[in-house]
Amino acid sequence: MHVYSRGDRLGNNKIVRISGLHFVPQLDVLDLHGNEIEVIENLGALRQLRVLNLAGNRITEVKHMHGLSSLSELNLRRNAIAAVSIR
């Protein structure tokens, strides 16, 4: 997955894995709606991320969200979430 600098809309691209984000730590908006992502991962380097849209994926568990101190908007609609881990 290739991600650009400030904000990206990568919805409906059949993306299955979140990766490559350590190259863009300044990213503040990431829109990955309507893909095939099952696991929330590889977001730790995104200290400036304010908006994360993961709606309409295949996510069943919310975890690996630590370190996203600037996050103010999170969209997880249309996922089959069964568990949330706050740690």
C-alpha atoms as a PDB file:
ATOM      1  CA  MET A   1       0.000   0.000   0.000  1.00  0.00           C
ATOM      2  CA  HIS A   2       1.409   3.386  -0.975  1.00  0.00           C
ATOM      3  CA  VAL A   3       0.460   6.295   1.257  1.00  0.00           C
ATOM      4  CA  TYR A   4       1.049   9.972   0.530  1.00  0.00           C
ATOM      5  CA  SER A   5       1.936  12.676   2.981  1.00  0.00           C
ATOM      6  CA  ARG A   6      -0.857  14.679   4.535  1.00  0.00           C
ATOM      7  CA  GLY A   7      -4.085  12.734   4.142  1.00  0.00           C
ATOM      8  CA  ASP A   8      -5.187   9.870   2.021  1.00  0.00           C
ATOM      9  CA  ARG A   9      -8.440   8.392   0.875  1.00  0.00           C
ATOM     10  CA  LEU A  10      -7.749   4.807  -0.024  1.00  0.00           C
ATOM     11  CA  GLY A  11     -11.295   3.504   0.224  1.00  0.00           C
ATOM     12  CA  ASN A  12     -12.634   0.648  -1.879  1.00  0.00           C
ATOM     13  CA  ASN A  13      -9.231  -0.593  -3.037  1.00  0.00           C
ATOM     14  CA  LYS A  14      -9.354  -4.200  -1.746  1.00  0.00           C
ATOM     15  CA  ILE A  15      -6.539  -3.449   0.723  1.00  0.00           C
ATOM     16  CA  VAL A  16      -6.094  -6.379   3.120  1.00  0.00           C
ATOM     17  CA  ARG A  17      -3.327  -5.082   5.401  1.00  0.00           C
ATOM     18  CA  ILE A  18      -2.301  -1.733   6.864  1.00  0.00           C
ATOM     19  CA  SER A  19       1.423  -1.307   6.178  1.00  0.00           C
ATOM     20  CA  GLY A  20       4.067   1.158   5.023  1.00  0.00           C
ATOM     21  CA  LEU A  21       2.884   3.961   7.270  1.00  0.00           C
ATOM     22  CA  HIS A  22       6.197   4.431   9.091  1.00  0.00           C
ATOM     23  CA  PHE A  23       7.319   6.393   6.009  1.00  0.00           C
ATOM     24  CA  VAL A  24       4.667   9.073   6.618  1.00  0.00           C
ATOM     25  CA  PRO A  25       4.601   9.869  10.352  1.00  0.00           C
ATOM     26  CA  GLN A  26       3.077  13.303   9.567  1.00  0.00           C
ATOM     27  CA  LEU A  27      -0.121  11.711   8.178  1.00  0.00           C
ATOM     28  CA  ASP A  28      -3.145  13.277   9.880  1.00  0.00           C
ATOM     29  CA  VAL A  29      -6.073  11.756   7.932  1.00  0.00           C
ATOM     30  CA  LEU A  30      -6.280   8.139   6.788  1.00  0.00           C
ATOM     31  CA  ASP A  31      -9.385   6.853   5.011  1.00  0.00           C
ATOM     32  CA  LEU A  32      -9.331   3.088   4.443  1.00  0.00           C
ATOM     33  CA  HIS A  33     -13.089   2.482   4.284  1.00  0.00           C
ATOM     34  CA  GLY A  34     -14.583  -0.319   2.201  1.00  0.00           C
ATOM     35  CA  ASN A  35     -11.495  -2.513   2.037  1.00  0.00           C
ATOM     36  CA  GLU A  36     -10.787  -6.038   3.307  1.00  0.00           C
ATOM     37  CA  ILE A  37      -8.748  -5.175   6.413  1.00  0.00           C
ATOM     38  CA  GLU A  38      -9.144  -7.664   9.269  1.00  0.00           C
ATOM     39  CA  VAL A  39      -6.570  -6.369  11.770  1.00  0.00           C
ATOM     40  CA  ILE A  40      -5.844  -2.852  12.996  1.00  0.00           C
ATOM     41  CA  GLU A  41      -2.038  -2.755  12.944  1.00  0.00           C
ATOM     42  CA  ASN A  42       1.059  -0.712  12.083  1.00  0.00           C
ATOM     43  CA  LEU A  43      -0.366   2.622  13.217  1.00  0.00           C
ATOM     44  CA  GLY A  44       2.097   3.318  16.054  1.00  0.00           C
ATOM     45  CA  ALA A  45       4.245   5.791  14.088  1.00  0.00           C
ATOM     46  CA  LEU A  46       1.271   8.032  13.265  1.00  0.00           C
ATOM     47  CA  ARG A  47       1.508  10.416  16.223  1.00  0.00           C
ATOM     48  CA  GLN A  48      -0.264  13.201  14.269  1.00  0.00           C
ATOM     49  CA  LEU A  49      -3.166  11.062  13.011  1.00  0.00           C
ATOM     50  CA  ARG A  50      -6.431  12.867  13.811  1.00  0.00           C
ATOM     51  CA  VAL A  51      -8.954  11.028  11.613  1.00  0.00           C
ATOM     52  CA  LEU A  52      -9.042   7.290  10.928  1.00  0.00           C
ATOM     53  CA  ASN A  53     -11.827   5.776   8.822  1.00  0.00           C
ATOM     54  CA  LEU A  54     -11.909   1.975   8.820  1.00  0.00           C
ATOM     55  CA  ALA A  55     -15.637   1.615   8.135  1.00  0.00           C
ATOM     56  CA  GLY A  56     -16.822  -1.306   6.038  1.00  0.00           C
ATOM     57  CA  ASN A  57     -13.866  -3.630   6.519  1.00  0.00           C
ATOM     58  CA  ARG A  58     -13.612  -7.077   8.149  1.00  0.00           C
ATOM     59  CA  ILE A  59     -12.416  -5.976  11.588  1.00  0.00           C
ATOM     60  CA  THR A  60     -13.652  -8.146  14.475  1.00  0.00           C
ATOM     61  CA  GLU A  61     -11.450  -6.849  17.297  1.00  0.00           C
ATOM     62  CA  VAL A  62     -10.311  -3.329  18.157  1.00  0.00           C
ATOM     63  CA  LYS A  63      -6.755  -3.327  19.516  1.00  0.00           C
ATOM     64  CA  HIS A  64      -3.322  -1.898  18.671  1.00  0.00           C
ATOM     65  CA  MET A  65      -4.640   1.645  19.038  1.00  0.00           C
ATOM     66  CA  HIS A  66      -2.144   2.798  21.679  1.00  0.00           C
ATOM     67  CA  GLY A  67       0.075   5.695  20.719  1.00  0.00           C
ATOM     68  CA  LEU A  68      -2.573   7.490  18.672  1.00  0.00           C
ATOM     69  CA  SER A  69      -2.662  10.454  21.043  1.00  0.00           C
ATOM     70  CA  SER A  70      -3.926  12.951  18.418  1.00  0.00           C
ATOM     71  CA  LEU A  71      -6.815  10.757  17.221  1.00  0.00           C
ATOM     72  CA  SER A  72     -10.101  12.674  17.508  1.00  0.00           C
ATOM     73  CA  GLU A  73     -12.285  10.832  14.972  1.00  0.00           C
ATOM     74  CA  LEU A  74     -12.515   7.062  14.508  1.00  0.00           C
ATOM     75  CA  ASN A  75     -15.060   5.418  12.197  1.00  0.00           C
ATOM     76  CA  LEU A  76     -15.493   1.650  12.591  1.00  0.00           C
ATOM     77  CA  ARG A  77     -19.052   1.342  11.283  1.00  0.00           C
ATOM     78  CA  ARG A  78     -20.023  -1.686   9.235  1.00  0.00           C
ATOM     79  CA  ASN A  79     -17.468  -4.007  10.820  1.00  0.00           C
ATOM     80  CA  ALA A  80     -18.256  -7.155  12.823  1.00  0.00           C
ATOM     81  CA  ILE A  81     -16.573  -5.976  16.033  1.00  0.00           C
ATOM     82  CA  ALA A  82     -16.895  -8.489  18.848  1.00  0.00           C
ATOM     83  CA  ALA A  83     -14.142  -7.290  21.230  1.00  0.00           C
ATOM     84  CA  VAL A  84     -12.380  -4.097  22.252  1.00  0.00           C
ATOM     85  CA  SER A  85      -9.012  -4.075  24.028  1.00  0.00           C
ATOM     86  CA  ILE A  86      -8.047  -0.784  25.651  1.00  0.00           C
ATOM     87  CA  ARG A  87      -4.481  -1.771  26.567  1.00  0.00           C
END
